[in-house]
Amino acid sequence: MTSPIIWMIIGMGIVTYIPRMLPFVLIGGKELPPFIQGVLKNVPYATLGALIFPAVLFIQDDIWYGLVGAVIAFILAFTGVNVIVVVIGTVAILSLFSLF
């Protein structure tokens, strides 16, 4: 590997490490207010939704294919079944949907 690539990898590692380390250093053992804790607990779900939703709409040429899959997955997940049941159930329903 050439020298610029190595320096780029080191730079990207530093840029990635600093934002992850700063909260631990600055906040340390302090307790955050309950409202901020609640917001931070929901960030992964919001991020996941923002990443998945556009892909659901454009998974195939037919937008209904993605919407049907998302609705079925949501219903199964909302009922509290295991994740593998959600995946297998959604795949099964979409397999039947693709036949029509």
Protein backbone atom coordinates (compact mmCIF):
# COMPACT_ATOMS: atom_id res chain seq x y z
CA MET A 1 0.00 0.00 0.00
CA THR A 2 1.18 3.45 -0.75
CA SER A 3 1.88 6.06 1.88
CA PRO A 4 -1.15 8.34 1.11
CA ILE A 5 -3.51 5.40 1.55
CA ILE A 6 -2.00 4.49 4.91
CA TRP A 7 -2.28 8.09 6.12
CA MET A 8 -5.87 8.22 4.87
CA ILE A 9 -6.74 5.07 6.84
CA ILE A 10 -5.07 6.48 9.98
CA GLY A 11 -6.91 9.80 9.52
CA MET A 12 -10.27 8.07 9.09
CA GLY A 13 -9.60 6.03 12.22
CA ILE A 14 -8.86 9.17 14.23
CA VAL A 15 -11.90 11.00 12.87
CA THR A 16 -14.08 8.02 13.77
CA TYR A 17 -12.54 7.51 17.22
CA ILE A 18 -12.78 11.12 18.48
CA PRO A 19 -16.60 11.53 18.32
CA ARG A 20 -17.03 8.18 20.05
CA MET A 21 -14.53 8.96 22.80
CA LEU A 22 -15.56 12.56 23.57
CA PRO A 23 -18.87 11.72 25.30
CA PHE A 24 -17.10 9.32 27.66
CA VAL A 25 -14.45 11.89 28.52
CA LEU A 26 -16.75 14.91 28.82
CA ILE A 27 -19.75 13.29 30.49
CA GLY A 28 -17.79 10.77 32.56
CA GLY A 29 -19.91 9.58 35.48
CA LYS A 30 -22.52 12.32 35.25
CA GLU A 31 -26.21 11.43 35.04
CA LEU A 32 -28.10 12.81 32.06
CA PRO A 33 -31.61 14.23 32.50
CA PRO A 34 -34.39 11.66 31.93
CA PHE A 35 -35.67 13.45 28.81
CA ILE A 36 -32.24 13.27 27.11
CA GLN A 37 -31.88 9.61 28.13
CA GLY A 38 -35.25 8.87 26.53
CA VAL A 39 -34.27 10.64 23.32
CA LEU A 40 -30.92 8.85 23.13
CA LYS A 41 -32.57 5.46 23.66
CA ASN A 42 -34.73 6.05 20.56
CA VAL A 43 -31.93 7.21 18.25
CA PRO A 44 -31.03 3.68 17.00
CA TYR A 45 -34.66 2.99 16.04
CA ALA A 46 -35.02 6.31 14.25
CA THR A 47 -31.76 5.78 12.38
CA LEU A 48 -32.72 2.25 11.39
CA GLY A 49 -36.10 3.46 10.16
CA ALA A 50 -34.52 6.24 8.12
CA LEU A 51 -32.15 3.76 6.48
CA ILE A 52 -34.70 1.04 5.78
CA PHE A 53 -37.79 2.98 4.68
CA PRO A 54 -36.45 4.28 1.32
CA ALA A 55 -35.21 0.81 0.44
CA VAL A 56 -38.66 -0.64 1.17
CA LEU A 57 -40.22 1.65 -1.40
CA PHE A 58 -37.71 0.86 -4.15
CA ILE A 59 -37.05 -2.85 -3.59
CA GLN A 60 -38.81 -3.67 -6.87
CA ASP A 61 -40.48 -1.79 -9.69
CA ASP A 62 -43.83 -2.44 -8.03
CA ILE A 63 -44.04 -0.24 -4.91
CA TRP A 64 -46.76 -2.48 -3.45
CA TYR A 65 -44.29 -5.33 -3.06
CA GLY A 66 -42.24 -3.36 -0.56
CA LEU A 67 -45.24 -1.88 1.21
CA VAL A 68 -46.90 -5.27 1.67
CA GLY A 69 -43.67 -6.69 3.05
CA ALA A 70 -43.23 -3.77 5.44
CA VAL A 71 -46.81 -3.99 6.70
CA ILE A 72 -46.59 -7.75 7.26
CA ALA A 73 -43.23 -7.41 9.04
CA PHE A 74 -44.60 -4.60 11.21
CA ILE A 75 -47.72 -6.58 12.16
CA LEU A 76 -45.70 -9.68 13.02
CA ALA A 77 -43.14 -7.69 15.02
CA PHE A 78 -45.88 -5.75 16.82
CA THR A 79 -47.47 -8.99 18.00
CA GLY A 80 -44.19 -9.83 19.73
CA VAL A 81 -43.11 -12.92 17.83
CA ASN A 82 -39.47 -13.89 17.46
CA VAL A 83 -37.37 -12.05 14.85
CA ILE A 84 -36.86 -15.20 12.78
CA VAL A 85 -40.63 -15.67 12.62
CA VAL A 86 -40.97 -12.10 11.35
CA VAL A 87 -38.39 -12.72 8.62
CA ILE A 88 -39.75 -16.10 7.56
CA GLY A 89 -43.36 -14.89 7.68
CA THR A 90 -42.59 -11.84 5.57
CA VAL A 91 -40.66 -13.89 3.02
CA ALA A 92 -43.53 -16.40 2.82
CA ILE A 93 -46.17 -13.70 2.31
CA LEU A 94 -44.06 -11.93 -0.32
CA SER A 95 -43.48 -15.23 -2.09
CA LEU A 96 -47.24 -15.68 -2.33
CA PHE A 97 -47.68 -12.02 -3.32
CA SER A 98 -45.17 -12.38 -6.17
CA LEU A 99 -47.24 -15.20 -7.67
CA PHE A 100 -50.16 -12.83 -8.33
